[in-house]
Amino acid sequence: MSYIQAIVLAIIEGITEFLPVSSTGHMAIASAFFETAGNPFTKLFEIVIQFGAILSVVVLYWKKFIQFKRLDFYIKLLIAILPALAFGALFKKHIDTVLEKPIFISSVLFVGGIVLLFVDNWFKEPVIDAEEKINYKKSFFIGCYQVLAILLPGLSRSAATIIGGMQQKLTRSAAAEFSFFLAVPTMFAATAKSLYDIWKEEPALLNTDGITALLLGSTIAFVVALFAIKFFIGFLQKNGFRVFGWYRIILGLILFALIYTGHLA
């Protein structure tokens, strides 16, 4: 992977991580264009820069993450992450295989777009407008929605958990914020596991060039994500999900065309 490719992937990640359009799907498609898909370092890079983007949440919501007297906040995140940890461990090989198939990701992007066209009409009477009002049971159910994104790359972790939050009577903005909070331990666990696997199986990939690319990509993803979060919260409150739904549908159709014409395998 060249530094230019690393920068492009990091920008894509920073923009799409918190939007309901699937950052994983976008990076997988970009990697296919770069002909780096399936490369062990590319897989590691994509996960590590996701964690870089996620750290922007800690910066923007730092007061939440340093409230050590509020143990219930951390307990909620722990409860919500458990389903993802369990299913991630069970289906990691399935996930890695699917991520190498643009046709599957394109299909999930397209179908997910159709869902987003209608989701604003499904949950019209939210009653929870802040994280403090979310109980442990609701945290667990929101975490279960995250499993869908693990099993179906291209679905979007943020879309799944935000919809899960809305189904649990959260407002759109409250659901989005809890989705951001949940991403921190989720991606920390995924990054730690990937780094450990590489260190154990292919330590040569963590050479000077590799570490430089990881640091560069993580930094760029972090900075870009800072702006993306602020944009998304404001846009979601005013406009809902329909624009993102149409975007996913159009992108899915474009990718189908590229696959059909042989430009994307």
C-alpha atoms as a PDB file:
ATOM      1  CA  MET A   1       0.000   0.000   0.000  1.00  0.00           C
ATOM      2  CA  SER A   2       1.391   3.383  -1.006  1.00  0.00           C
ATOM      3  CA  TYR A   3       1.107   6.472   1.183  1.00  0.00           C
ATOM      4  CA  ILE A   4      -1.237   8.043  -1.389  1.00  0.00           C
ATOM      5  CA  GLN A   5      -3.556   5.033  -1.144  1.00  0.00           C
ATOM      6  CA  ALA A   6      -3.340   5.226   2.654  1.00  0.00           C
ATOM      7  CA  ILE A   7      -4.335   8.908   2.605  1.00  0.00           C
ATOM      8  CA  VAL A   8      -7.288   8.297   0.267  1.00  0.00           C
ATOM      9  CA  LEU A   9      -8.587   5.409   2.384  1.00  0.00           C
ATOM     10  CA  ALA A  10      -8.199   7.480   5.558  1.00  0.00           C
ATOM     11  CA  ILE A  11     -10.193  10.372   4.102  1.00  0.00           C
ATOM     12  CA  ILE A  12     -12.930   7.966   2.991  1.00  0.00           C
ATOM     13  CA  GLU A  13     -12.986   6.443   6.471  1.00  0.00           C
ATOM     14  CA  GLY A  14     -13.131   9.793   8.256  1.00  0.00           C
ATOM     15  CA  ILE A  15     -16.054  10.979   6.132  1.00  0.00           C
ATOM     16  CA  THR A  16     -18.100   7.786   6.179  1.00  0.00           C
ATOM     17  CA  GLU A  17     -17.492   6.255   9.636  1.00  0.00           C
ATOM     18  CA  PHE A  18     -20.348   8.131  11.303  1.00  0.00           C
ATOM     19  CA  LEU A  19     -22.652   8.380   8.298  1.00  0.00           C
ATOM     20  CA  PRO A  20     -25.160   5.557   7.681  1.00  0.00           C
ATOM     21  CA  VAL A  21     -23.477   4.628   4.397  1.00  0.00           C
ATOM     22  CA  SER A  22     -20.957   1.986   5.575  1.00  0.00           C
ATOM     23  CA  SER A  23     -17.350   3.060   5.936  1.00  0.00           C
ATOM     24  CA  THR A  24     -16.275  -0.587   5.734  1.00  0.00           C
ATOM     25  CA  GLY A  25     -18.098  -0.991   2.432  1.00  0.00           C
ATOM     26  CA  HIS A  26     -16.583   2.183   0.993  1.00  0.00           C
ATOM     27  CA  MET A  27     -13.057   1.178   1.998  1.00  0.00           C
ATOM     28  CA  ALA A  28     -13.528  -2.347   0.657  1.00  0.00           C
ATOM     29  CA  ILE A  29     -14.620  -0.954  -2.715  1.00  0.00           C
ATOM     30  CA  ALA A  30     -11.716   1.527  -2.725  1.00  0.00           C
ATOM     31  CA  SER A  31      -9.295  -1.286  -1.897  1.00  0.00           C
ATOM     32  CA  ALA A  32     -10.692  -3.295  -4.793  1.00  0.00           C
ATOM     33  CA  PHE A  33      -9.991  -0.348  -7.126  1.00  0.00           C
ATOM     34  CA  PHE A  34      -6.461  -0.073  -5.702  1.00  0.00           C
ATOM     35  CA  GLU A  35      -6.083  -3.864  -6.102  1.00  0.00           C
ATOM     36  CA  THR A  36      -5.050  -4.181  -2.465  1.00  0.00           C
ATOM     37  CA  ALA A  37      -8.195  -5.994  -1.262  1.00  0.00           C
ATOM     38  CA  GLY A  38      -7.431  -9.201   0.609  1.00  0.00           C
ATOM     39  CA  ASN A  39      -3.947  -8.040   1.549  1.00  0.00           C
ATOM     40  CA  PRO A  40      -3.365  -8.738   5.285  1.00  0.00           C
ATOM     41  CA  PHE A  41      -1.926  -5.280   5.868  1.00  0.00           C
ATOM     42  CA  THR A  42      -4.872  -3.632   4.089  1.00  0.00           C
ATOM     43  CA  LYS A  43      -7.281  -5.446   6.398  1.00  0.00           C
ATOM     44  CA  LEU A  44      -5.297  -4.302   9.426  1.00  0.00           C
ATOM     45  CA  PHE A  45      -5.033  -0.740   8.087  1.00  0.00           C
ATOM     46  CA  GLU A  46      -8.788  -0.444   7.539  1.00  0.00           C
ATOM     47  CA  ILE A  47      -9.542  -1.520  11.111  1.00  0.00           C
ATOM     48  CA  VAL A  48      -6.853   0.637  12.747  1.00  0.00           C
ATOM     49  CA  ILE A  49      -7.885   3.832  10.949  1.00  0.00           C
ATOM     50  CA  GLN A  50     -11.476   3.138  11.961  1.00  0.00           C
ATOM     51  CA  PHE A  51     -10.291   3.330  15.543  1.00  0.00           C
ATOM     52  CA  GLY A  52      -8.450   6.556  14.679  1.00  0.00           C
ATOM     53  CA  ALA A  53     -11.727   8.020  13.440  1.00  0.00           C
ATOM     54  CA  ILE A  54     -13.560   6.747  16.511  1.00  0.00           C
ATOM     55  CA  LEU A  55     -11.145   8.613  18.810  1.00  0.00           C
ATOM     56  CA  SER A  56     -12.716  11.835  17.535  1.00  0.00           C
ATOM     57  CA  VAL A  57     -15.763  10.868  19.622  1.00  0.00           C
ATOM     58  CA  VAL A  58     -13.638  10.811  22.764  1.00  0.00           C
ATOM     59  CA  VAL A  59     -12.357  14.308  21.970  1.00  0.00           C
ATOM     60  CA  LEU A  60     -15.741  15.813  21.097  1.00  0.00           C
ATOM     61  CA  TYR A  61     -17.528  14.115  24.012  1.00  0.00           C
ATOM     62  CA  TRP A  62     -14.619  14.061  26.462  1.00  0.00           C
ATOM     63  CA  LYS A  63     -16.809  15.072  29.395  1.00  0.00           C
ATOM     64  CA  LYS A  64     -18.759  11.834  28.968  1.00  0.00           C
ATOM     65  CA  PHE A  65     -15.674   9.644  28.922  1.00  0.00           C
ATOM     66  CA  ILE A  66     -14.023  11.136  32.020  1.00  0.00           C
ATOM     67  CA  GLN A  67     -17.075  10.975  34.285  1.00  0.00           C
ATOM     68  CA  PHE A  68     -15.601   8.191  36.395  1.00  0.00           C
ATOM     69  CA  LYS A  69     -18.214   8.725  39.095  1.00  0.00           C
ATOM     70  CA  ARG A  70     -20.890   7.723  36.582  1.00  0.00           C
ATOM     71  CA  LEU A  71     -20.169   4.024  36.363  1.00  0.00           C
ATOM     72  CA  ASP A  72     -23.531   3.344  34.752  1.00  0.00           C
ATOM     73  CA  PHE A  73     -22.306   5.029  31.534  1.00  0.00           C
ATOM     74  CA  TYR A  74     -19.439   2.556  31.226  1.00  0.00           C
ATOM     75  CA  ILE A  75     -21.668  -0.362  32.219  1.00  0.00           C
ATOM     76  CA  LYS A  76     -24.099   0.534  29.437  1.00  0.00           C
ATOM     77  CA  LEU A  77     -21.297   0.478  26.878  1.00  0.00           C
ATOM     78  CA  LEU A  78     -19.996  -2.821  28.255  1.00  0.00           C
ATOM     79  CA  ILE A  79     -23.443  -4.415  28.042  1.00  0.00           C
ATOM     80  CA  ALA A  80     -24.009  -3.043  24.533  1.00  0.00           C
ATOM     81  CA  ILE A  81     -20.680  -4.320  23.191  1.00  0.00           C
ATOM     82  CA  LEU A  82     -21.104  -7.910  24.410  1.00  0.00           C
ATOM     83  CA  PRO A  83     -23.215  -9.147  21.455  1.00  0.00           C
ATOM     84  CA  ALA A  84     -20.700  -7.718  18.952  1.00  0.00           C
ATOM     85  CA  LEU A  85     -17.747  -9.316  20.752  1.00  0.00           C
ATOM     86  CA  ALA A  86     -19.442 -12.702  20.785  1.00  0.00           C
ATOM     87  CA  PHE A  87     -20.590 -12.699  17.167  1.00  0.00           C
ATOM     88  CA  GLY A  88     -17.378 -11.065  15.951  1.00  0.00           C
ATOM     89  CA  ALA A  89     -15.342 -13.917  17.422  1.00  0.00           C
ATOM     90  CA  LEU A  90     -17.675 -16.547  15.959  1.00  0.00           C
ATOM     91  CA  PHE A  91     -17.979 -15.103  12.441  1.00  0.00           C
ATOM     92  CA  LYS A  92     -14.612 -13.396  11.832  1.00  0.00           C
ATOM     93  CA  LYS A  93     -13.711 -15.759   8.979  1.00  0.00           C
ATOM     94  CA  HIS A  94     -17.116 -15.177   7.367  1.00  0.00           C
ATOM     95  CA  ILE A  95     -16.647 -11.419   7.641  1.00  0.00           C
ATOM     96  CA  ASP A  96     -13.160 -11.496   6.113  1.00  0.00           C
ATOM     97  CA  THR A  97     -14.410 -13.596   3.201  1.00  0.00           C
ATOM     98  CA  VAL A  98     -17.442 -11.405   2.499  1.00  0.00           C
ATOM     99  CA  LEU A  99     -15.392  -8.206   2.583  1.00  0.00           C
ATOM    100  CA  GLU A 100     -13.532  -9.440  -0.488  1.00  0.00           C
ATOM    101  CA  LYS A 101     -16.769  -9.685  -2.527  1.00  0.00           C
ATOM    102  CA  PRO A 102     -17.905  -6.322  -3.959  1.00  0.00           C
ATOM    103  CA  ILE A 103     -21.148  -7.866  -5.257  1.00  0.00           C
ATOM    104  CA  PHE A 104     -22.256  -8.676  -1.700  1.00  0.00           C
ATOM    105  CA  ILE A 105     -21.312  -5.251  -0.359  1.00  0.00           C
ATOM    106  CA  SER A 106     -23.067  -3.559  -3.295  1.00  0.00           C
ATOM    107  CA  SER A 107     -26.231  -5.546  -2.616  1.00  0.00           C
ATOM    108  CA  VAL A 108     -26.242  -4.650   1.084  1.00  0.00           C
ATOM    109  CA  LEU A 109     -25.626  -0.977   0.250  1.00  0.00           C
ATOM    110  CA  PHE A 110     -28.588  -0.998  -2.150  1.00  0.00           C
ATOM    111  CA  VAL A 111     -31.037  -2.798   0.137  1.00  0.00           C
ATOM    112  CA  GLY A 112     -29.904  -0.734   3.128  1.00  0.00           C
ATOM    113  CA  GLY A 113     -30.624   2.393   1.110  1.00  0.00           C
ATOM    114  CA  ILE A 114     -34.201   1.302   0.540  1.00  0.00           C
ATOM    115  CA  VAL A 115     -34.601   0.776   4.292  1.00  0.00           C
ATOM    116  CA  LEU A 116     -33.305   4.287   5.022  1.00  0.00           C
ATOM    117  CA  LEU A 117     -35.928   5.798   2.718  1.00  0.00           C
ATOM    118  CA  PHE A 118     -38.648   4.671   5.099  1.00  0.00           C
ATOM    119  CA  VAL A 119     -37.032   4.453   8.538  1.00  0.00           C
ATOM    120  CA  ASP A 120     -38.004   8.008   9.550  1.00  0.00           C
ATOM    121  CA  ASN A 121     -41.665   6.985   9.295  1.00  0.00           C
ATOM    122  CA  TRP A 122     -41.266   3.924  11.499  1.00  0.00           C
ATOM    123  CA  PHE A 123     -40.335   5.599  14.776  1.00  0.00           C
ATOM    124  CA  LYS A 124     -42.338   8.801  15.199  1.00  0.00           C
ATOM    125  CA  GLU A 125     -42.813   9.062  18.978  1.00  0.00           C
ATOM    126  CA  PRO A 126     -39.406   9.014  20.687  1.00  0.00           C
ATOM    127  CA  VAL A 127     -39.327   9.645  24.426  1.00  0.00           C
ATOM    128  CA  ILE A 128     -35.599   9.373  25.241  1.00  0.00           C
ATOM    129  CA  ASP A 129     -33.511  12.406  24.327  1.00  0.00           C
ATOM    130  CA  ALA A 130     -30.318  11.795  26.344  1.00  0.00           C
ATOM    131  CA  GLU A 131     -27.935   8.949  27.184  1.00  0.00           C
ATOM    132  CA  GLU A 132     -28.706   9.275  30.913  1.00  0.00           C
ATOM    133  CA  LYS A 133     -32.262   8.034  30.239  1.00  0.00           C
ATOM    134  CA  ILE A 134     -31.126   4.835  28.495  1.00  0.00           C
ATOM    135  CA  ASN A 135     -31.374   1.787  30.767  1.00  0.00           C
ATOM    136  CA  TYR A 136     -29.288  -1.391  30.618  1.00  0.00           C
ATOM    137  CA  LYS A 137     -31.944  -3.370  28.761  1.00  0.00           C
ATOM    138  CA  LYS A 138     -32.157  -0.819  25.975  1.00  0.00           C
ATOM    139  CA  SER A 139     -28.348  -0.698  25.788  1.00  0.00           C
ATOM    140  CA  PHE A 140     -28.258  -4.440  25.208  1.00  0.00           C
ATOM    141  CA  PHE A 141     -30.888  -4.336  22.463  1.00  0.00           C
ATOM    142  CA  ILE A 142     -29.063  -1.513  20.685  1.00  0.00           C
ATOM    143  CA  GLY A 143     -25.906  -3.616  20.886  1.00  0.00           C
ATOM    144  CA  CYS A 144     -27.760  -6.498  19.246  1.00  0.00           C
ATOM    145  CA  TYR A 145     -28.436  -4.292  16.225  1.00  0.00           C
ATOM    146  CA  GLN A 146     -24.693  -3.776  15.915  1.00  0.00           C
ATOM    147  CA  VAL A 147     -24.388  -7.514  15.266  1.00  0.00           C
ATOM    148  CA  LEU A 148     -26.277  -7.034  11.985  1.00  0.00           C
ATOM    149  CA  ALA A 149     -23.492  -4.765  10.738  1.00  0.00           C
ATOM    150  CA  ILE A 150     -20.910  -7.394  11.688  1.00  0.00           C
ATOM    151  CA  LEU A 151     -22.710 -10.153   9.824  1.00  0.00           C
ATOM    152  CA  LEU A 152     -23.566  -7.964   6.813  1.00  0.00           C
ATOM    153  CA  PRO A 153     -20.566  -5.827   5.766  1.00  0.00           C
ATOM    154  CA  GLY A 154     -21.879  -2.839   3.868  1.00  0.00           C
ATOM    155  CA  LEU A 155     -24.902  -2.421   6.145  1.00  0.00           C
ATOM    156  CA  SER A 156     -23.202   0.296   8.267  1.00  0.00           C
ATOM    157  CA  ARG A 157     -22.556  -0.068  11.983  1.00  0.00           C
ATOM    158  CA  SER A 158     -23.783   3.472  12.635  1.00  0.00           C
ATOM    159  CA  ALA A 159     -26.984   2.930  10.629  1.00  0.00           C
ATOM    160  CA  ALA A 160     -27.731  -0.322  12.440  1.00  0.00           C
ATOM    161  CA  THR A 161     -27.163   1.070  15.940  1.00  0.00           C
ATOM    162  CA  ILE A 162     -28.952   4.356  15.267  1.00  0.00           C
ATOM    163  CA  ILE A 163     -31.987   2.463  13.959  1.00  0.00           C
ATOM    164  CA  GLY A 164     -31.702   0.185  16.984  1.00  0.00           C
ATOM    165  CA  GLY A 165     -31.721   3.231  19.231  1.00  0.00           C
ATOM    166  CA  MET A 166     -34.746   4.710  17.491  1.00  0.00           C
ATOM    167  CA  GLN A 167     -36.538   1.383  17.857  1.00  0.00           C
ATOM    168  CA  GLN A 168     -35.847   1.684  21.592  1.00  0.00           C
ATOM    169  CA  LYS A 169     -37.615   5.098  21.632  1.00  0.00           C
ATOM    170  CA  LEU A 170     -34.513   7.307  21.356  1.00  0.00           C
ATOM    171  CA  THR A 171     -34.631  10.514  19.348  1.00  0.00           C
ATOM    172  CA  ARG A 172     -32.517  10.564  16.184  1.00  0.00           C
ATOM    173  CA  SER A 173     -29.817  12.713  17.790  1.00  0.00           C
ATOM    174  CA  ALA A 174     -29.744  10.686  21.027  1.00  0.00           C
ATOM    175  CA  ALA A 175     -29.543   7.441  19.026  1.00  0.00           C
ATOM    176  CA  ALA A 176     -26.699   8.858  16.920  1.00  0.00           C
ATOM    177  CA  GLU A 177     -24.732   9.964  19.971  1.00  0.00           C
ATOM    178  CA  PHE A 178     -25.120   6.600  21.707  1.00  0.00           C
ATOM    179  CA  SER A 179     -24.008   4.947  18.468  1.00  0.00           C
ATOM    180  CA  PHE A 180     -20.869   7.114  18.581  1.00  0.00           C
ATOM    181  CA  PHE A 181     -20.200   6.184  22.216  1.00  0.00           C
ATOM    182  CA  LEU A 182     -20.659   2.486  21.487  1.00  0.00           C
ATOM    183  CA  ALA A 183     -18.192   2.673  18.598  1.00  0.00           C
ATOM    184  CA  VAL A 184     -15.288   3.478  20.952  1.00  0.00           C
ATOM    185  CA  PRO A 185     -15.069   0.153  22.848  1.00  0.00           C
ATOM    186  CA  THR A 186     -16.176  -1.781  19.758  1.00  0.00           C
ATOM    187  CA  MET A 187     -13.370  -0.493  17.545  1.00  0.00           C
ATOM    188  CA  PHE A 188     -10.840  -0.590  20.386  1.00  0.00           C
ATOM    189  CA  ALA A 189     -11.506  -4.311  20.765  1.00  0.00           C
ATOM    190  CA  ALA A 190     -11.349  -4.900  16.989  1.00  0.00           C
ATOM    191  CA  THR A 191      -8.090  -2.939  16.657  1.00  0.00           C
ATOM    192  CA  ALA A 192      -6.437  -4.705  19.589  1.00  0.00           C
ATOM    193  CA  LYS A 193      -7.433  -8.115  18.203  1.00  0.00           C
ATOM    194  CA  SER A 194      -6.155  -7.298  14.706  1.00  0.00           C
ATOM    195  CA  LEU A 195      -2.831  -5.934  15.963  1.00  0.00           C
ATOM    196  CA  TYR A 196      -2.364  -9.014  18.132  1.00  0.00           C
ATOM    197  CA  ASP A 197      -3.113 -11.353  15.209  1.00  0.00           C
ATOM    198  CA  ILE A 198      -0.652  -9.537  12.937  1.00  0.00           C
ATOM    199  CA  TRP A 199       2.026  -9.438  15.640  1.00  0.00           C
ATOM    200  CA  LYS A 200       1.554 -13.173  16.214  1.00  0.00           C
ATOM    201  CA  GLU A 201       1.225 -14.375  12.613  1.00  0.00           C
ATOM    202  CA  GLU A 202       2.908 -11.779  10.366  1.00  0.00           C
ATOM    203  CA  PRO A 203       5.044  -9.453  12.518  1.00  0.00           C
ATOM    204  CA  ALA A 204       7.033  -8.352   9.464  1.00  0.00           C
ATOM    205  CA  LEU A 205       4.043  -6.241   8.389  1.00  0.00           C
ATOM    206  CA  LEU A 206       4.575  -4.021  11.436  1.00  0.00           C
ATOM    207  CA  ASN A 207       7.811  -2.605  10.076  1.00  0.00           C
ATOM    208  CA  THR A 208       8.704   1.078   9.935  1.00  0.00           C
ATOM    209  CA  ASP A 209       6.751   1.696   6.715  1.00  0.00           C
ATOM    210  CA  GLY A 210       3.752  -0.192   8.037  1.00  0.00           C
ATOM    211  CA  ILE A 211       3.645   1.655  11.342  1.00  0.00           C
ATOM    212  CA  THR A 212       4.109   4.989   9.536  1.00  0.00           C
ATOM    213  CA  ALA A 213       1.152   4.217   7.247  1.00  0.00           C
ATOM    214  CA  LEU A 214      -1.008   3.245  10.232  1.00  0.00           C
ATOM    215  CA  LEU A 215      -0.158   6.432  12.124  1.00  0.00           C
ATOM    216  CA  LEU A 216      -0.647   8.612   9.042  1.00  0.00           C
ATOM    217  CA  GLY A 217      -3.992   7.020   8.180  1.00  0.00           C
ATOM    218  CA  SER A 218      -5.262   7.155  11.756  1.00  0.00           C
ATOM    219  CA  THR A 219      -4.365  10.824  12.124  1.00  0.00           C
ATOM    220  CA  ILE A 220      -6.078  11.824   8.880  1.00  0.00           C
ATOM    221  CA  ALA A 221      -9.177   9.737   9.675  1.00  0.00           C
ATOM    222  CA  PHE A 222      -9.323  11.341  13.143  1.00  0.00           C
ATOM    223  CA  VAL A 223      -9.197  14.911  11.830  1.00  0.00           C
ATOM    224  CA  VAL A 224     -11.719  14.331   9.035  1.00  0.00           C
ATOM    225  CA  ALA A 225     -14.094  12.516  11.410  1.00  0.00           C
ATOM    226  CA  LEU A 226     -14.139  15.505  13.788  1.00  0.00           C
ATOM    227  CA  PHE A 227     -15.890  17.545  11.110  1.00  0.00           C
ATOM    228  CA  ALA A 228     -18.046  14.654   9.888  1.00  0.00           C
ATOM    229  CA  ILE A 229     -19.593  14.106  13.327  1.00  0.00           C
ATOM    230  CA  LYS A 230     -20.622  17.731  13.707  1.00  0.00           C
ATOM    231  CA  PHE A 231     -22.105  17.761  10.218  1.00  0.00           C
ATOM    232  CA  PHE A 232     -24.004  14.508  10.690  1.00  0.00           C
ATOM    233  CA  ILE A 233     -25.716  15.385  13.979  1.00  0.00           C
ATOM    234  CA  GLY A 234     -26.999  18.693  12.607  1.00  0.00           C
ATOM    235  CA  PHE A 235     -28.042  17.224   9.277  1.00  0.00           C
ATOM    236  CA  LEU A 236     -29.801  14.243  10.858  1.00  0.00           C
ATOM    237  CA  GLN A 237     -31.858  16.420  13.191  1.00  0.00           C
ATOM    238  CA  LYS A 238     -33.138  18.544  10.296  1.00  0.00           C
ATOM    239  CA  ASN A 239     -33.387  16.083   7.407  1.00  0.00           C
ATOM    240  CA  GLY A 240     -33.493  12.489   8.615  1.00  0.00           C
ATOM    241  CA  PHE A 241     -32.184   9.519   6.656  1.00  0.00           C
ATOM    242  CA  ARG A 242     -33.728   9.863   3.173  1.00  0.00           C
ATOM    243  CA  VAL A 243     -30.727  11.564   1.552  1.00  0.00           C
ATOM    244  CA  PHE A 244     -28.452   8.810   2.794  1.00  0.00           C
ATOM    245  CA  GLY A 245     -30.906   6.230   1.522  1.00  0.00           C
ATOM    246  CA  TRP A 246     -30.845   7.660  -2.002  1.00  0.00           C
ATOM    247  CA  TYR A 247     -27.060   7.933  -1.862  1.00  0.00           C
ATOM    248  CA  ARG A 248     -26.743   4.236  -0.986  1.00  0.00           C
ATOM    249  CA  ILE A 249     -29.172   3.212  -3.729  1.00  0.00           C
ATOM    250  CA  ILE A 250     -27.351   5.246  -6.398  1.00  0.00           C
ATOM    251  CA  LEU A 251     -23.939   4.010  -5.218  1.00  0.00           C
ATOM    252  CA  GLY A 252     -25.181   0.425  -5.216  1.00  0.00           C
ATOM    253  CA  LEU A 253     -26.450   0.752  -8.794  1.00  0.00           C
ATOM    254  CA  ILE A 254     -23.142   2.289  -9.935  1.00  0.00           C
ATOM    255  CA  LEU A 255     -21.221  -0.552  -8.328  1.00  0.00           C
ATOM    256  CA  PHE A 256     -23.514  -3.143  -9.936  1.00  0.00           C
ATOM    257  CA  ALA A 257     -22.765  -1.536 -13.312  1.00  0.00           C
ATOM    258  CA  LEU A 258     -19.003  -1.595 -12.657  1.00  0.00           C
ATOM    259  CA  ILE A 259     -19.147  -5.236 -11.625  1.00  0.00           C
ATOM    260  CA  TYR A 260     -21.291  -6.182 -14.646  1.00  0.00           C
ATOM    261  CA  THR A 261     -18.908  -4.446 -17.071  1.00  0.00           C
ATOM    262  CA  GLY A 262     -15.873  -6.071 -15.486  1.00  0.00           C
ATOM    263  CA  HIS A 263     -14.384  -2.887 -14.060  1.00  0.00           C
ATOM    264  CA  LEU A 264     -14.800  -4.162 -10.507  1.00  0.00           C
ATOM    265  CA  ALA A 265     -14.294  -7.811  -9.670  1.00  0.00           C
END
